[in-house]
Amino acid sequence: MNEAHVTVIGWTAAEPYYTVTGNGTPFLSLRVGCTPRRYDRETGSWQDLDTMFLTVNCWRGLADNVNASDFRRGTPVLVTGRLRVRQYERDGQWRFSAEIEANTVGHDLGRGTADFRPVQRGGALTDEDRQAARDAADQWALTAPPDAEAETPAEATPQAA
């Protein structure tokens, strides 16, 4: 295969959008922000570069599972999938958009914990499963270590100079 497979580590930059298509296929889209850092030897400190935002598209069971999990704005995530660069015209100018057709989406366990519950094959998630995922996320928010607040959505959005 001659496809570009990528892994992205970042933060959810907006609330995920979940829908079911007209033919009954679950679909979820979320924006992920990544801010590369480089060490500046002259100043002896780390410098944030421009934030890159990508659209991550999830289909079928992955869309259902991501929807049932707690991926609110600011959640640290890992995403793997196929990179798609789309070209379009707006206001007479050609523009480009980078998207990832996701194979895998997960919480970045370097920045927190997760409570994994496998789903049964052949069946969609129930409302009970979705509520259990939300309850687990709320529990994490109550028991998060004090320094977890330092790594909030502010890091997922570009800072004004």
N, C-alpha and C. Protein backbone atom coordinates (compact mmCIF):
# COMPACT_ATOMS: atom_id res chain seq x y z
N MET A 1 0.84 -1.19 0.00
CA MET A 1 0.00 0.00 0.00
C MET A 1 0.87 1.24 0.00
N ASN A 2 0.44 2.22 -0.71
CA ASN A 2 1.17 3.48 -0.77
C ASN A 2 0.39 4.58 -0.09
N GLU A 3 -0.04 4.31 1.11
CA GLU A 3 -0.78 5.30 1.87
C GLU A 3 0.10 5.81 3.01
N ALA A 4 -0.10 7.06 3.37
CA ALA A 4 0.65 7.64 4.48
C ALA A 4 -0.09 7.35 5.78
N HIS A 5 0.49 6.49 6.60
CA HIS A 5 -0.08 6.21 7.92
C HIS A 5 0.66 7.07 8.93
N VAL A 6 -0.09 7.71 9.81
CA VAL A 6 0.50 8.64 10.77
C VAL A 6 0.00 8.34 12.18
N THR A 7 0.78 8.77 13.14
CA THR A 7 0.38 8.76 14.54
C THR A 7 0.51 10.19 15.04
N VAL A 8 -0.54 10.68 15.67
CA VAL A 8 -0.57 12.06 16.16
C VAL A 8 -0.85 12.02 17.66
N ILE A 9 -0.09 12.81 18.40
CA ILE A 9 -0.30 12.98 19.83
C ILE A 9 -0.69 14.44 20.03
N GLY A 10 -1.82 14.67 20.67
CA GLY A 10 -2.27 16.05 20.85
C GLY A 10 -3.42 16.13 21.83
N TRP A 11 -4.24 17.15 21.62
CA TRP A 11 -5.38 17.44 22.49
C TRP A 11 -6.61 17.62 21.63
N THR A 12 -7.77 17.20 22.11
CA THR A 12 -8.99 17.50 21.38
C THR A 12 -9.22 19.01 21.46
N ALA A 13 -9.41 19.62 20.31
CA ALA A 13 -9.52 21.07 20.25
C ALA A 13 -10.97 21.55 20.27
N ALA A 14 -11.91 20.65 20.09
CA ALA A 14 -13.33 20.99 20.11
C ALA A 14 -14.12 19.75 20.51
N GLU A 15 -15.37 19.96 20.88
CA GLU A 15 -16.22 18.83 21.23
C GLU A 15 -16.41 17.97 19.97
N PRO A 16 -16.33 16.65 20.12
CA PRO A 16 -16.55 15.77 18.96
C PRO A 16 -17.97 15.90 18.41
N TYR A 17 -18.09 15.68 17.10
CA TYR A 17 -19.38 15.71 16.43
C TYR A 17 -19.74 14.28 16.03
N TYR A 18 -20.84 13.77 16.55
CA TYR A 18 -21.28 12.40 16.28
C TYR A 18 -22.61 12.43 15.56
N THR A 19 -22.73 11.57 14.53
CA THR A 19 -23.99 11.44 13.82
C THR A 19 -24.07 10.03 13.24
N VAL A 20 -25.24 9.70 12.76
CA VAL A 20 -25.44 8.45 12.03
C VAL A 20 -25.89 8.84 10.64
N THR A 21 -25.19 8.33 9.62
CA THR A 21 -25.51 8.69 8.24
C THR A 21 -26.88 8.15 7.85
N GLY A 22 -27.36 8.57 6.70
CA GLY A 22 -28.67 8.15 6.22
C GLY A 22 -28.80 6.64 6.07
N ASN A 23 -27.68 5.96 5.80
CA ASN A 23 -27.76 4.50 5.65
C ASN A 23 -27.44 3.76 6.95
N GLY A 24 -27.36 4.51 8.07
CA GLY A 24 -27.20 3.89 9.38
C GLY A 24 -25.77 3.68 9.84
N THR A 25 -24.80 4.29 9.17
CA THR A 25 -23.40 4.14 9.54
C THR A 25 -23.00 5.21 10.55
N PRO A 26 -22.53 4.82 11.74
CA PRO A 26 -22.07 5.81 12.72
C PRO A 26 -20.82 6.56 12.22
N PHE A 27 -20.77 7.86 12.48
CA PHE A 27 -19.65 8.70 12.07
C PHE A 27 -19.36 9.69 13.18
N LEU A 28 -18.08 9.89 13.48
CA LEU A 28 -17.66 10.87 14.48
C LEU A 28 -16.47 11.64 13.93
N SER A 29 -16.51 12.94 14.12
CA SER A 29 -15.42 13.81 13.68
C SER A 29 -14.96 14.63 14.87
N LEU A 30 -13.64 14.76 15.03
CA LEU A 30 -13.12 15.62 16.09
C LEU A 30 -11.88 16.34 15.59
N ARG A 31 -11.62 17.47 16.19
CA ARG A 31 -10.44 18.26 15.85
C ARG A 31 -9.37 17.99 16.89
N VAL A 32 -8.14 17.77 16.42
CA VAL A 32 -7.02 17.53 17.30
C VAL A 32 -5.97 18.60 17.05
N GLY A 33 -5.50 19.22 18.11
CA GLY A 33 -4.44 20.22 18.02
C GLY A 33 -3.13 19.64 18.52
N CYS A 34 -2.07 19.91 17.77
CA CYS A 34 -0.72 19.44 18.13
C CYS A 34 0.21 20.65 18.11
N THR A 35 0.94 20.83 19.19
CA THR A 35 1.88 21.95 19.26
C THR A 35 3.29 21.39 19.41
N PRO A 36 4.07 21.37 18.31
CA PRO A 36 5.44 20.87 18.41
C PRO A 36 6.29 21.77 19.30
N ARG A 37 7.24 21.17 20.00
CA ARG A 37 8.16 21.92 20.85
C ARG A 37 9.58 21.64 20.42
N ARG A 38 10.40 22.65 20.46
CA ARG A 38 11.81 22.52 20.12
C ARG A 38 12.64 23.17 21.23
N TYR A 39 13.79 22.56 21.49
CA TYR A 39 14.68 23.10 22.50
C TYR A 39 15.55 24.17 21.87
N ASP A 40 15.54 25.36 22.44
CA ASP A 40 16.36 26.48 21.95
C ASP A 40 17.63 26.51 22.79
N ARG A 41 18.73 26.14 22.18
CA ARG A 41 20.00 26.07 22.92
C ARG A 41 20.49 27.45 23.37
N GLU A 42 20.15 28.47 22.60
CA GLU A 42 20.59 29.82 22.95
C GLU A 42 19.95 30.31 24.25
N THR A 43 18.65 30.04 24.42
CA THR A 43 17.95 30.50 25.62
C THR A 43 17.91 29.42 26.70
N GLY A 44 18.19 28.18 26.31
CA GLY A 44 18.15 27.09 27.27
C GLY A 44 16.73 26.71 27.69
N SER A 45 15.76 26.99 26.82
CA SER A 45 14.37 26.67 27.17
C SER A 45 13.65 26.07 25.97
N TRP A 46 12.50 25.48 26.27
CA TRP A 46 11.67 24.90 25.22
C TRP A 46 10.79 25.99 24.62
N GLN A 47 10.62 25.94 23.30
CA GLN A 47 9.80 26.91 22.58
C GLN A 47 8.66 26.17 21.87
N ASP A 48 7.44 26.67 22.03
CA ASP A 48 6.31 26.11 21.30
C ASP A 48 6.30 26.68 19.89
N LEU A 49 6.10 25.80 18.91
CA LEU A 49 5.97 26.22 17.52
C LEU A 49 4.48 26.41 17.21
N ASP A 50 4.16 26.72 15.96
CA ASP A 50 2.76 26.92 15.59
C ASP A 50 1.95 25.65 15.79
N THR A 51 0.77 25.81 16.32
CA THR A 51 -0.13 24.68 16.53
C THR A 51 -0.72 24.25 15.20
N MET A 52 -0.76 22.93 15.00
CA MET A 52 -1.37 22.36 13.81
C MET A 52 -2.67 21.70 14.23
N PHE A 53 -3.73 21.95 13.48
CA PHE A 53 -5.02 21.35 13.77
C PHE A 53 -5.38 20.38 12.65
N LEU A 54 -5.83 19.20 13.04
CA LEU A 54 -6.22 18.16 12.10
C LEU A 54 -7.65 17.73 12.39
N THR A 55 -8.37 17.35 11.36
CA THR A 55 -9.68 16.74 11.54
C THR A 55 -9.49 15.24 11.56
N VAL A 56 -10.05 14.58 12.55
CA VAL A 56 -9.98 13.12 12.68
C VAL A 56 -11.37 12.57 12.43
N ASN A 57 -11.49 11.68 11.43
CA ASN A 57 -12.78 11.08 11.09
C ASN A 57 -12.79 9.62 11.51
N CYS A 58 -13.84 9.23 12.23
CA CYS A 58 -14.00 7.86 12.73
C CYS A 58 -15.31 7.30 12.17
N TRP A 59 -15.28 6.04 11.80
CA TRP A 59 -16.46 5.39 11.22
C TRP A 59 -16.82 4.14 12.01
N ARG A 60 -18.07 3.77 11.93
CA ARG A 60 -18.63 2.52 12.44
C ARG A 60 -18.36 2.31 13.92
N GLY A 61 -17.80 1.14 14.28
CA GLY A 61 -17.58 0.81 15.69
C GLY A 61 -16.65 1.78 16.38
N LEU A 62 -15.63 2.25 15.67
CA LEU A 62 -14.71 3.22 16.28
C LEU A 62 -15.46 4.50 16.64
N ALA A 63 -16.35 4.95 15.75
CA ALA A 63 -17.14 6.16 16.03
C ALA A 63 -18.00 5.96 17.27
N ASP A 64 -18.64 4.79 17.38
CA ASP A 64 -19.46 4.51 18.56
C ASP A 64 -18.62 4.49 19.83
N ASN A 65 -17.45 3.85 19.77
CA ASN A 65 -16.61 3.74 20.96
C ASN A 65 -16.05 5.09 21.39
N VAL A 66 -15.62 5.90 20.43
CA VAL A 66 -15.10 7.23 20.78
C VAL A 66 -16.24 8.07 21.36
N ASN A 67 -17.43 7.95 20.79
CA ASN A 67 -18.57 8.70 21.29
C ASN A 67 -18.92 8.30 22.72
N ALA A 68 -18.77 7.02 23.04
CA ALA A 68 -19.10 6.54 24.38
C ALA A 68 -18.00 6.86 25.39
N SER A 69 -16.81 7.17 24.90
CA SER A 69 -15.69 7.51 25.77
C SER A 69 -15.72 9.01 26.03
N ASP A 70 -14.86 9.46 26.92
CA ASP A 70 -14.87 10.87 27.30
C ASP A 70 -13.79 11.63 26.54
N PHE A 71 -14.13 12.11 25.37
CA PHE A 71 -13.20 12.91 24.58
C PHE A 71 -13.74 14.32 24.45
N ARG A 72 -13.77 15.02 25.57
CA ARG A 72 -14.19 16.42 25.56
C ARG A 72 -13.05 17.29 25.06
N ARG A 73 -13.36 18.56 24.88
CA ARG A 73 -12.32 19.52 24.49
C ARG A 73 -11.23 19.51 25.55
N GLY A 74 -9.97 19.39 25.10
CA GLY A 74 -8.84 19.41 26.01
C GLY A 74 -8.35 18.04 26.44
N THR A 75 -9.01 16.97 26.01
CA THR A 75 -8.59 15.62 26.38
C THR A 75 -7.32 15.25 25.61
N PRO A 76 -6.28 14.76 26.31
CA PRO A 76 -5.07 14.32 25.60
C PRO A 76 -5.35 13.02 24.84
N VAL A 77 -4.98 12.99 23.56
CA VAL A 77 -5.30 11.84 22.72
C VAL A 77 -4.11 11.37 21.89
N LEU A 78 -4.21 10.10 21.48
CA LEU A 78 -3.31 9.51 20.49
C LEU A 78 -4.20 9.03 19.36
N VAL A 79 -3.82 9.33 18.13
CA VAL A 79 -4.61 8.94 16.97
C VAL A 79 -3.69 8.31 15.95
N THR A 80 -4.09 7.17 15.38
CA THR A 80 -3.37 6.60 14.25
C THR A 80 -4.36 6.42 13.11
N GLY A 81 -3.87 6.55 11.89
CA GLY A 81 -4.74 6.37 10.74
C GLY A 81 -4.08 6.82 9.46
N ARG A 82 -4.88 6.91 8.42
CA ARG A 82 -4.39 7.30 7.10
C ARG A 82 -4.52 8.81 6.93
N LEU A 83 -3.44 9.43 6.53
CA LEU A 83 -3.43 10.88 6.29
C LEU A 83 -4.08 11.17 4.95
N ARG A 84 -4.96 12.15 4.95
CA ARG A 84 -5.62 12.61 3.73
C ARG A 84 -5.44 14.13 3.66
N VAL A 85 -4.92 14.61 2.55
CA VAL A 85 -4.79 16.05 2.34
C VAL A 85 -5.78 16.40 1.23
N ARG A 86 -6.69 17.27 1.56
CA ARG A 86 -7.74 17.65 0.61
C ARG A 86 -7.48 19.08 0.14
N GLN A 87 -7.72 19.30 -1.14
CA GLN A 87 -7.57 20.62 -1.74
C GLN A 87 -8.96 21.13 -2.10
N TYR A 88 -9.21 22.40 -1.80
CA TYR A 88 -10.50 22.99 -2.14
C TYR A 88 -10.29 24.47 -2.44
N GLU A 89 -11.29 25.08 -3.08
CA GLU A 89 -11.21 26.49 -3.43
C GLU A 89 -12.20 27.28 -2.60
N ARG A 90 -11.72 28.39 -2.04
CA ARG A 90 -12.59 29.29 -1.28
C ARG A 90 -12.15 30.71 -1.59
N ASP A 91 -13.11 31.53 -1.92
CA ASP A 91 -12.85 32.94 -2.24
C ASP A 91 -11.77 33.09 -3.31
N GLY A 92 -11.80 32.20 -4.30
CA GLY A 92 -10.86 32.29 -5.41
C GLY A 92 -9.45 31.82 -5.08
N GLN A 93 -9.23 31.26 -3.89
CA GLN A 93 -7.91 30.78 -3.51
C GLN A 93 -7.97 29.29 -3.21
N TRP A 94 -6.91 28.59 -3.61
CA TRP A 94 -6.82 27.16 -3.30
C TRP A 94 -6.31 27.00 -1.88
N ARG A 95 -6.96 26.12 -1.15
CA ARG A 95 -6.59 25.84 0.24
C ARG A 95 -6.42 24.34 0.42
N PHE A 96 -5.77 23.99 1.52
CA PHE A 96 -5.55 22.59 1.82
C PHE A 96 -6.05 22.28 3.23
N SER A 97 -6.53 21.07 3.42
CA SER A 97 -7.00 20.61 4.72
C SER A 97 -6.41 19.23 4.98
N ALA A 98 -5.83 19.04 6.16
CA ALA A 98 -5.27 17.74 6.53
C ALA A 98 -6.28 17.01 7.41
N GLU A 99 -6.55 15.76 7.05
CA GLU A 99 -7.48 14.93 7.81
C GLU A 99 -6.85 13.57 8.05
N ILE A 100 -7.30 12.93 9.10
CA ILE A 100 -6.87 11.56 9.39
C ILE A 100 -8.11 10.68 9.41
N GLU A 101 -8.08 9.64 8.60
CA GLU A 101 -9.12 8.61 8.65
C GLU A 101 -8.64 7.62 9.69
N ALA A 102 -9.21 7.70 10.88
CA ALA A 102 -8.67 7.01 12.05
C ALA A 102 -8.87 5.50 12.02
N ASN A 103 -7.83 4.79 12.42
CA ASN A 103 -7.90 3.37 12.72
C ASN A 103 -8.02 3.17 14.23
N THR A 104 -7.33 4.05 14.98
CA THR A 104 -7.25 3.93 16.42
C THR A 104 -7.31 5.33 17.05
N VAL A 105 -8.08 5.47 18.11
CA VAL A 105 -8.12 6.69 18.89
C VAL A 105 -8.07 6.28 20.35
N GLY A 106 -7.22 6.92 21.14
CA GLY A 106 -7.14 6.57 22.55
C GLY A 106 -6.71 7.73 23.40
N HIS A 107 -6.92 7.58 24.69
CA HIS A 107 -6.44 8.57 25.64
C HIS A 107 -4.92 8.45 25.76
N ASP A 108 -4.25 9.57 25.93
CA ASP A 108 -2.81 9.60 26.14
C ASP A 108 -2.55 9.28 27.61
N LEU A 109 -2.15 8.04 27.88
CA LEU A 109 -1.97 7.61 29.27
C LEU A 109 -0.71 8.18 29.90
N GLY A 110 0.08 8.90 29.15
CA GLY A 110 1.20 9.64 29.72
C GLY A 110 0.71 10.87 30.49
N ARG A 111 -0.55 11.22 30.32
CA ARG A 111 -1.10 12.41 30.94
C ARG A 111 -2.30 12.14 31.85
N GLY A 112 -2.64 10.86 32.01
CA GLY A 112 -3.78 10.52 32.87
C GLY A 112 -4.04 9.03 32.82
N THR A 113 -5.15 8.62 33.40
CA THR A 113 -5.51 7.20 33.44
C THR A 113 -6.81 6.97 32.67
N ALA A 114 -7.08 5.72 32.38
CA ALA A 114 -8.31 5.37 31.67
C ALA A 114 -8.88 4.10 32.28
N ASP A 115 -10.16 3.92 32.12
CA ASP A 115 -10.83 2.72 32.58
C ASP A 115 -11.38 2.02 31.35
N PHE A 116 -10.64 1.04 30.84
CA PHE A 116 -11.00 0.37 29.59
C PHE A 116 -12.04 -0.72 29.83
N ARG A 117 -13.08 -0.70 29.01
CA ARG A 117 -14.09 -1.74 29.04
C ARG A 117 -14.32 -2.21 27.61
N PRO A 118 -13.99 -3.47 27.31
CA PRO A 118 -14.21 -3.95 25.94
C PRO A 118 -15.70 -4.04 25.64
N VAL A 119 -16.05 -3.79 24.38
CA VAL A 119 -17.44 -3.94 23.96
C VAL A 119 -17.62 -5.32 23.37
N GLN A 120 -18.84 -5.78 23.38
CA GLN A 120 -19.11 -7.09 22.81
C GLN A 120 -19.15 -6.97 21.29
N ARG A 121 -18.53 -7.91 20.63
CA ARG A 121 -18.52 -7.90 19.16
C ARG A 121 -19.93 -8.09 18.62
N GLY A 122 -20.17 -7.41 17.51
CA GLY A 122 -21.44 -7.61 16.82
C GLY A 122 -22.57 -6.75 17.34
N GLY A 123 -22.31 -5.96 18.36
CA GLY A 123 -23.37 -5.12 18.89
C GLY A 123 -22.89 -3.72 19.15
N ALA A 124 -23.78 -2.78 18.97
CA ALA A 124 -23.44 -1.39 19.24
C ALA A 124 -23.46 -1.16 20.75
N LEU A 125 -22.84 -0.08 21.15
CA LEU A 125 -22.85 0.28 22.56
C LEU A 125 -24.26 0.66 23.00
N THR A 126 -24.56 0.29 24.21
CA THR A 126 -25.87 0.63 24.77
C THR A 126 -25.77 1.97 25.48
N ASP A 127 -26.92 2.53 25.81
CA ASP A 127 -26.94 3.77 26.59
C ASP A 127 -26.27 3.55 27.93
N GLU A 128 -26.39 2.33 28.48
CA GLU A 128 -25.74 1.99 29.74
C GLU A 128 -24.22 2.09 29.61
N ASP A 129 -23.68 1.56 28.49
CA ASP A 129 -22.24 1.63 28.24
C ASP A 129 -21.77 3.09 28.16
N ARG A 130 -22.55 3.89 27.44
CA ARG A 130 -22.19 5.31 27.28
C ARG A 130 -22.21 6.03 28.63
N GLN A 131 -23.23 5.76 29.45
CA GLN A 131 -23.33 6.40 30.76
C GLN A 131 -22.18 5.96 31.66
N ALA A 132 -21.81 4.67 31.59
CA ALA A 132 -20.69 4.18 32.40
C ALA A 132 -19.39 4.88 32.01
N ALA A 133 -19.20 5.13 30.71
CA ALA A 133 -18.00 5.84 30.27
C ALA A 133 -18.00 7.28 30.80
N ARG A 134 -19.15 7.93 30.76
CA ARG A 134 -19.24 9.31 31.28
C ARG A 134 -18.99 9.34 32.78
N ASP A 135 -19.55 8.36 33.51
CA ASP A 135 -19.35 8.29 34.95
C ASP A 135 -17.88 8.10 35.30
N ALA A 136 -17.19 7.24 34.54
CA ALA A 136 -15.77 7.01 34.77
C ALA A 136 -14.98 8.28 34.52
N ALA A 137 -15.34 9.03 33.49
CA ALA A 137 -14.65 10.28 33.19
C ALA A 137 -14.88 11.31 34.30
N ASP A 138 -16.12 11.37 34.79
CA ASP A 138 -16.41 12.30 35.89
C ASP A 138 -15.61 11.92 37.13
N GLN A 139 -15.48 10.62 37.39
CA GLN A 139 -14.70 10.15 38.54
C GLN A 139 -13.24 10.57 38.39
N TRP A 140 -12.70 10.45 37.15
CA TRP A 140 -11.32 10.87 36.92
C TRP A 140 -11.16 12.35 37.21
N ALA A 141 -12.15 13.14 36.77
CA ALA A 141 -12.07 14.58 36.99
C ALA A 141 -12.03 14.90 38.49
N LEU A 142 -12.72 14.10 39.30
CA LEU A 142 -12.73 14.33 40.75
C LEU A 142 -11.44 13.88 41.42
N THR A 143 -10.77 12.88 40.84
CA THR A 143 -9.58 12.30 41.47
C THR A 143 -8.30 12.64 40.74
N ALA A 144 -8.36 13.54 39.76
CA ALA A 144 -7.17 13.89 38.98
C ALA A 144 -6.11 14.49 39.89
N PRO A 145 -4.83 14.18 39.64
CA PRO A 145 -3.78 14.78 40.46
C PRO A 145 -3.77 16.29 40.29
N PRO A 146 -3.30 17.02 41.29
CA PRO A 146 -3.32 18.49 41.23
C PRO A 146 -2.62 19.05 40.01
N ASP A 147 -1.55 18.41 39.54
CA ASP A 147 -0.82 18.95 38.39
C ASP A 147 -1.54 18.68 37.08
N ALA A 148 -2.62 17.89 37.07
CA ALA A 148 -3.38 17.63 35.85
C ALA A 148 -4.01 18.92 35.34
N GLU A 149 -4.33 19.84 36.24
CA GLU A 149 -4.90 21.12 35.82
C GLU A 149 -3.93 21.94 34.99
N ALA A 150 -2.62 21.71 35.18
CA ALA A 150 -1.63 22.47 34.42
C ALA A 150 -1.67 22.09 32.95
N GLU A 151 -2.16 20.89 32.65
CA GLU A 151 -2.21 20.43 31.27
C GLU A 151 -3.65 20.45 30.80
N THR A 152 -4.16 21.65 30.53
CA THR A 152 -5.55 21.83 30.16
C THR A 152 -5.67 22.26 28.71
N PRO A 153 -6.88 22.49 28.22
CA PRO A 153 -7.07 22.84 26.83
C PRO A 153 -6.30 24.06 26.37
N ALA A 154 -5.85 24.89 27.27
CA ALA A 154 -5.09 26.07 26.85
C ALA A 154 -3.87 25.67 26.05
N GLU A 155 -3.30 24.49 26.36
CA GLU A 155 -2.14 24.04 25.60
C GLU A 155 -2.52 23.56 24.21
N ALA A 156 -3.80 23.29 23.98
CA ALA A 156 -4.24 22.80 22.68
C ALA A 156 -4.56 23.92 21.72
N THR A 157 -4.58 25.15 22.20
CA THR A 157 -4.90 26.27 21.35
C THR A 157 -3.72 27.21 21.26
N PRO A 158 -3.56 27.86 20.10
CA PRO A 158 -2.42 28.76 19.96
C PRO A 158 -2.53 29.95 20.92
N GLN A 159 -1.39 30.37 21.40
CA GLN A 159 -1.33 31.51 22.31
C GLN A 159 -1.04 32.78 21.53
N ALA A 160 -1.66 33.87 21.93
CA ALA A 160 -1.39 35.14 21.29
C ALA A 160 0.00 35.61 21.70
N ALA A 161 0.72 36.16 20.74
CA ALA A 161 2.08 36.61 21.01
C ALA A 161 2.08 37.95 21.72
